[in-house]
Amino acid sequence: MDNMRFDNIVRDLVVDDAKREAEMQRLSPADRSYLVFFTARSGSSWLTSVLAETKRLGFPEEYLNPAFVRDVCTATNARTQGSLLDMLKRRRRTPNGVFSMEVRAVDIDLFGEEAFFAAFDPKTIVFNLWRDNIVAQGVSLYRAVSTGHYHSTDAAPPVAPAYDAESIKLWTKHILSDENLNLTMLARRGRPARFLRYEDIMRDQATTVRQFADALRVDLPEGAAPPDTSAEPRHEKIGDSWNREAETRFRHEEAAFVATVESQRLIRLQPGEPKWRALYAAGEPTVQHVA
């Protein structure tokens, strides 16, 4: 994992400091920011497309994903965490001053946790995007990774892989880890989050947009918000009868595994429960790994 850390990614990167500084002076930074913590196959690409289309609610891309961060640094002439975030807040804000980013705790750890949170004061709004049906999520991630076909916008034709329970377990555990790490990082940093559930946002596009607009106190002019909740988004998850049949089979054959996963999801805790209070009062709880 060391080669994915920010310092190693940019170690040999050549940038134009003078050009960056001139741009910093010319562009005003965002005056409102929000972060979306997410997990794979939780609707994050769909959410980005819907919010970006308003032109007033930010462009919440995965700027700190290790797979993208070198290109982002090259484009912004930034070789330090602080200079990168300063430039993004200028380059990638909407005209009304909103900057946004989709991120996972694992990305922040590789980027540098202290530098990241130093750039976002407590006024920064945090959303936590999660998916209630983690088995369907694991099936979807297995299919996407094994076929290389993630969305309806991808060039490759949709294909279904062979059913593989062990691989579905692997990717479900990966999602569980990211989901819990997101919550424990937010708890450790004392950053409360507004929760967004995949099943809810996919059901009602217009309400999803209004949630962000209300939180950011952004007025959306006529036509800026999706007028029809049934409007087809730009990104669609690749899912069909194969996904449904694979989920049904997996739940039947791997019921004990599913129960163990569900018991370990911190997102299942209800506000007010002792364990929930401990999570947000004491920081990072002990999270068992699925056997």
Protein backbone atom coordinates (compact mmCIF):
# COMPACT_ATOMS: atom_id res chain seq x y z
CA MET A 1 0.00 0.00 0.00
CA ASP A 2 2.97 2.35 0.49
CA ASN A 3 3.25 2.96 -3.24
CA MET A 4 -0.33 4.29 -3.15
CA ARG A 5 0.44 6.93 -0.54
CA PHE A 6 0.31 10.51 -1.71
CA ASP A 7 3.97 11.28 -1.04
CA ASN A 8 5.07 8.33 -3.15
CA ILE A 9 2.62 9.03 -5.96
CA VAL A 10 3.95 12.58 -6.44
CA ARG A 11 7.59 11.91 -5.55
CA ASP A 12 8.94 12.43 -9.09
CA LEU A 13 6.17 14.70 -10.36
CA VAL A 14 7.31 17.90 -12.10
CA VAL A 15 4.93 20.83 -11.69
CA ASP A 16 4.87 24.52 -12.56
CA ASP A 17 4.76 26.33 -9.22
CA ALA A 18 4.59 29.79 -10.78
CA LYS A 19 1.60 28.83 -12.91
CA ARG A 20 -0.17 27.36 -9.89
CA GLU A 21 0.45 30.47 -7.78
CA ALA A 22 -0.79 32.76 -10.53
CA GLU A 23 -3.95 30.70 -10.83
CA MET A 24 -4.40 30.74 -7.06
CA GLN A 25 -4.32 34.54 -7.12
CA ARG A 26 -6.72 34.76 -10.05
CA LEU A 27 -9.41 32.34 -8.85
CA SER A 28 -11.54 32.68 -5.74
CA PRO A 29 -11.94 29.62 -3.50
CA ALA A 30 -15.26 27.99 -2.71
CA ASP A 31 -17.09 29.43 0.27
CA ARG A 32 -19.15 26.28 0.90
CA SER A 33 -17.94 22.68 0.85
CA TYR A 34 -19.35 19.23 1.39
CA LEU A 35 -17.92 15.72 1.44
CA VAL A 36 -19.62 12.48 0.46
CA PHE A 37 -18.19 9.40 2.17
CA PHE A 38 -19.16 6.36 0.10
CA THR A 39 -18.53 2.69 -0.61
CA ALA A 40 -18.25 0.90 -3.94
CA ARG A 41 -21.57 0.34 -5.77
CA SER A 42 -23.45 2.62 -3.39
CA GLY A 43 -24.72 4.99 -6.10
CA SER A 44 -21.85 7.46 -5.94
CA SER A 45 -21.39 7.85 -9.71
CA TRP A 46 -25.12 8.35 -10.17
CA LEU A 47 -25.13 10.92 -7.37
CA THR A 48 -22.23 12.83 -8.92
CA SER A 49 -23.96 13.06 -12.29
CA VAL A 50 -27.26 14.24 -10.80
CA LEU A 51 -25.70 16.90 -8.57
CA ALA A 52 -23.26 18.13 -11.22
CA GLU A 53 -26.11 18.63 -13.69
CA THR A 54 -27.58 21.35 -11.46
CA LYS A 55 -24.40 23.46 -11.96
CA ARG A 56 -24.93 24.75 -8.40
CA LEU A 57 -24.28 21.79 -6.11
CA GLY A 58 -20.64 21.04 -6.78
CA PHE A 59 -18.90 18.38 -8.83
CA PRO A 60 -18.31 15.60 -6.27
CA GLU A 61 -15.68 13.50 -8.02
CA GLU A 62 -13.14 11.07 -6.49
CA TYR A 63 -10.22 13.49 -6.65
CA LEU A 64 -8.20 11.60 -4.01
CA ASN A 65 -8.64 8.09 -5.35
CA PRO A 66 -5.03 6.80 -5.64
CA ALA A 67 -5.78 5.74 -9.22
CA PHE A 68 -6.56 9.33 -10.18
CA VAL A 69 -4.56 11.53 -7.82
CA ARG A 70 -1.37 11.77 -9.92
CA ASP A 71 -3.33 13.04 -12.92
CA VAL A 72 -5.21 15.48 -10.68
CA CYS A 73 -1.91 16.78 -9.28
CA THR A 74 -0.48 17.16 -12.78
CA ALA A 75 -3.52 19.12 -13.93
CA THR A 76 -3.38 21.44 -10.92
CA ASN A 77 0.43 21.76 -10.67
CA ALA A 78 0.25 20.64 -7.05
CA ARG A 79 2.74 18.42 -5.24
CA THR A 80 1.56 18.88 -1.66
CA GLN A 81 -1.71 17.96 -0.03
CA GLY A 82 -2.47 21.54 0.93
CA SER A 83 -1.75 23.02 -2.48
CA LEU A 84 -3.80 20.33 -4.20
CA LEU A 85 -6.89 20.95 -2.05
CA ASP A 86 -6.47 24.72 -2.36
CA MET A 87 -6.42 24.44 -6.13
CA LEU A 88 -9.36 22.03 -6.27
CA LYS A 89 -11.45 24.42 -4.20
CA ARG A 90 -10.83 27.01 -6.89
CA ARG A 91 -10.83 24.93 -10.06
CA ARG A 92 -13.71 22.62 -9.21
CA ARG A 93 -16.22 24.88 -7.52
CA THR A 94 -19.52 25.80 -9.08
CA PRO A 95 -20.05 29.46 -10.05
CA ASN A 96 -22.07 30.00 -6.86
CA GLY A 97 -19.11 28.89 -4.73
CA VAL A 98 -19.77 25.23 -3.87
CA PHE A 99 -16.97 22.66 -3.76
CA SER A 100 -17.55 18.97 -3.17
CA MET A 101 -15.70 15.68 -3.15
CA GLU A 102 -16.49 11.98 -2.92
CA VAL A 103 -14.04 10.14 -0.71
CA ARG A 104 -13.47 7.00 1.32
CA ALA A 105 -11.62 6.71 4.60
CA VAL A 106 -9.01 4.51 2.89
CA ASP A 107 -8.33 7.30 0.36
CA ILE A 108 -7.94 9.86 3.15
CA ASP A 109 -5.53 7.59 5.01
CA LEU A 110 -3.35 7.26 1.90
CA PHE A 111 -3.60 10.99 1.21
CA GLY A 112 -2.83 12.05 4.78
CA GLU A 113 -5.59 12.31 7.37
CA GLU A 114 -4.28 15.37 9.19
CA ALA A 115 -3.73 17.35 5.99
CA PHE A 116 -7.13 16.39 4.67
CA PHE A 117 -9.18 17.43 7.67
CA ALA A 118 -7.10 20.57 8.17
CA ALA A 119 -8.43 21.71 4.79
CA PHE A 120 -12.09 21.23 5.74
CA ASP A 121 -13.30 23.11 8.79
CA PRO A 122 -16.18 21.87 10.96
CA LYS A 123 -18.62 23.90 8.86
CA THR A 124 -18.02 21.47 6.00
CA ILE A 125 -21.14 19.36 5.53
CA VAL A 126 -20.58 15.61 5.52
CA PHE A 127 -22.85 13.05 3.88
CA ASN A 128 -22.45 9.31 4.38
CA LEU A 129 -23.71 7.30 1.42
CA TRP A 130 -24.49 3.64 2.12
CA ARG A 131 -26.50 0.76 0.75
CA ASP A 132 -28.99 -1.15 2.87
CA ASN A 133 -28.72 -4.35 0.81
CA ILE A 134 -25.04 -5.15 1.23
CA VAL A 135 -25.45 -8.57 -0.41
CA ALA A 136 -26.78 -7.00 -3.62
CA GLN A 137 -23.93 -4.52 -3.32
CA GLY A 138 -21.37 -7.32 -3.01
CA VAL A 139 -22.86 -9.16 -5.98
CA SER A 140 -22.79 -5.96 -8.03
CA LEU A 141 -19.17 -5.26 -7.12
CA TYR A 142 -18.12 -8.83 -7.94
CA ARG A 143 -19.79 -8.55 -11.34
CA ALA A 144 -18.28 -5.14 -12.07
CA VAL A 145 -14.74 -6.14 -11.10
CA SER A 146 -14.83 -9.49 -12.88
CA THR A 147 -16.24 -8.08 -16.14
CA GLY A 148 -14.77 -4.56 -16.10
CA HIS A 149 -18.25 -3.21 -16.87
CA TYR A 150 -19.35 -0.81 -14.13
CA HIS A 151 -22.03 1.41 -15.65
CA SER A 152 -24.35 1.65 -18.60
CA THR A 153 -21.99 4.28 -20.01
CA ASP A 154 -19.10 1.81 -20.30
CA ALA A 155 -18.20 0.69 -23.81
CA ALA A 156 -18.05 -3.03 -23.12
CA PRO A 157 -21.31 -5.00 -23.50
CA PRO A 158 -22.97 -6.13 -20.27
CA VAL A 159 -21.95 -9.67 -19.46
CA ALA A 160 -22.59 -11.88 -16.46
CA PRO A 161 -19.76 -13.86 -14.83
CA ALA A 162 -19.97 -17.35 -13.43
CA TYR A 163 -21.49 -17.52 -9.97
CA ASP A 164 -18.65 -17.52 -7.43
CA ALA A 165 -19.67 -17.44 -3.75
CA GLU A 166 -16.11 -16.99 -2.47
CA SER A 167 -15.54 -13.94 -4.66
CA ILE A 168 -18.88 -12.46 -3.59
CA LYS A 169 -17.82 -13.00 0.03
CA LEU A 170 -14.51 -11.28 -0.65
CA TRP A 171 -16.12 -8.16 -2.15
CA THR A 172 -18.85 -8.04 0.47
CA LYS A 173 -16.18 -8.05 3.19
CA HIS A 174 -14.38 -5.29 1.29
CA ILE A 175 -17.55 -3.18 1.35
CA LEU A 176 -18.10 -3.91 5.05
CA SER A 177 -14.57 -2.77 5.84
CA ASP A 178 -14.90 0.48 3.89
CA GLU A 179 -18.34 1.17 5.37
CA ASN A 180 -17.10 0.77 8.95
CA LEU A 181 -13.85 2.63 8.32
CA ASN A 182 -15.82 5.60 6.99
CA LEU A 183 -17.88 5.76 10.17
CA THR A 184 -14.96 5.25 12.54
CA MET A 185 -12.91 7.96 10.83
CA LEU A 186 -15.78 10.43 11.05
CA ALA A 187 -16.22 9.49 14.70
CA ARG A 188 -12.52 9.91 15.43
CA ARG A 189 -12.50 13.34 13.82
CA GLY A 190 -15.73 14.39 15.52
CA ARG A 191 -17.48 14.99 12.21
CA PRO A 192 -21.23 14.23 12.28
CA ALA A 193 -22.71 13.01 9.03
CA ARG A 194 -26.04 13.18 7.23
CA PHE A 195 -26.94 9.69 6.08
CA LEU A 196 -28.00 8.93 2.51
CA ARG A 197 -29.23 5.46 1.64
CA TYR A 198 -28.80 4.08 -1.86
CA GLU A 199 -32.31 2.68 -1.95
CA ASP A 200 -33.79 6.09 -1.10
CA ILE A 201 -31.76 8.26 -3.46
CA MET A 202 -32.33 5.93 -6.41
CA ARG A 203 -36.05 5.96 -5.74
CA ASP A 204 -36.46 9.74 -5.67
CA GLN A 205 -34.01 11.85 -7.65
CA ALA A 206 -35.70 15.18 -7.02
CA THR A 207 -35.79 14.75 -3.24
CA THR A 208 -32.11 13.79 -3.27
CA VAL A 209 -31.22 17.03 -5.02
CA ARG A 210 -33.36 19.03 -2.60
CA GLN A 211 -31.57 17.46 0.36
CA PHE A 212 -28.26 18.83 -0.87
CA ALA A 213 -29.71 22.20 -1.83
CA ASP A 214 -31.32 22.64 1.58
CA ALA A 215 -28.20 21.58 3.46
CA LEU A 216 -26.04 24.02 1.50
CA ARG A 217 -28.68 26.77 1.44
CA VAL A 218 -28.58 26.87 -2.33
CA ASP A 219 -31.53 28.20 -4.28
CA LEU A 220 -32.10 26.18 -7.42
CA PRO A 221 -33.59 28.14 -10.29
CA GLU A 222 -36.35 26.70 -12.42
CA GLY A 223 -35.01 23.74 -14.35
CA ALA A 224 -31.87 23.28 -12.23
CA ALA A 225 -33.35 20.40 -10.24
CA PRO A 226 -34.61 17.24 -11.94
CA PRO A 227 -38.34 17.85 -12.48
CA ASP A 228 -39.24 14.18 -12.80
CA THR A 229 -38.29 11.60 -10.16
CA SER A 230 -38.46 8.90 -12.81
CA ALA A 231 -35.96 10.65 -15.06
CA GLU A 232 -33.23 8.28 -16.17
CA PRO A 233 -29.84 9.25 -14.70
CA ARG A 234 -26.69 9.35 -16.76
CA HIS A 235 -25.13 6.49 -14.83
CA GLU A 236 -26.98 3.26 -14.24
CA LYS A 237 -25.67 0.26 -12.34
CA ILE A 238 -25.36 -2.86 -14.41
CA GLY A 239 -27.90 -5.20 -12.89
CA ASP A 240 -30.42 -7.66 -14.27
CA SER A 241 -31.96 -11.02 -13.49
CA TRP A 242 -28.48 -12.52 -13.00
CA ASN A 243 -27.84 -10.15 -10.08
CA ARG A 244 -31.16 -10.97 -8.48
CA GLU A 245 -30.71 -14.71 -8.93
CA ALA A 246 -27.12 -14.57 -7.60
CA GLU A 247 -28.26 -12.63 -4.54
CA THR A 248 -31.09 -15.07 -3.83
CA ARG A 249 -28.77 -18.06 -4.15
CA PHE A 250 -26.08 -16.44 -2.02
CA ARG A 251 -28.51 -15.52 0.76
CA HIS A 252 -29.82 -19.12 0.80
CA GLU A 253 -26.45 -20.89 0.69
CA GLU A 254 -24.43 -18.42 2.78
CA ALA A 255 -26.99 -17.38 5.39
CA ALA A 256 -24.51 -17.63 8.27
CA PHE A 257 -22.03 -15.39 6.47
CA VAL A 258 -24.73 -12.81 5.72
CA ALA A 259 -25.84 -12.79 9.35
CA THR A 260 -22.25 -12.25 10.51
CA VAL A 261 -21.75 -9.37 8.11
CA GLU A 262 -24.97 -7.69 9.18
CA SER A 263 -24.04 -8.02 12.85
CA GLN A 264 -20.79 -6.16 12.22
CA ARG A 265 -22.20 -3.20 10.29
CA LEU A 266 -21.83 -0.07 12.41
CA ILE A 267 -24.38 1.62 10.15
CA ARG A 268 -26.99 -0.66 11.71
CA LEU A 269 -26.57 0.97 15.12
CA GLN A 270 -29.41 3.27 16.10
CA PRO A 271 -28.66 6.77 17.43
CA GLY A 272 -28.98 6.65 21.19
CA GLU A 273 -27.79 3.05 21.54
CA PRO A 274 -24.84 2.72 23.95
CA LYS A 275 -22.57 1.39 21.20
CA TRP A 276 -23.50 4.29 18.93
CA ARG A 277 -22.77 6.82 21.69
CA ALA A 278 -19.46 5.09 22.32
CA LEU A 279 -18.59 5.28 18.63
CA TYR A 280 -19.09 9.03 18.49
CA ALA A 281 -17.74 9.78 21.97
CA ALA A 282 -14.65 7.61 22.12
CA GLY A 283 -13.64 7.59 18.48
CA GLU A 284 -12.75 4.26 16.96
CA PRO A 285 -14.34 1.09 18.36
CA THR A 286 -13.04 -2.41 17.87
CA VAL A 287 -14.41 -3.82 14.63
CA GLN A 288 -14.11 -7.57 14.17
CA HIS A 289 -13.21 -8.93 10.77
CA VAL A 290 -15.48 -11.44 9.07
CA ALA A 291 -14.02 -14.93 9.15
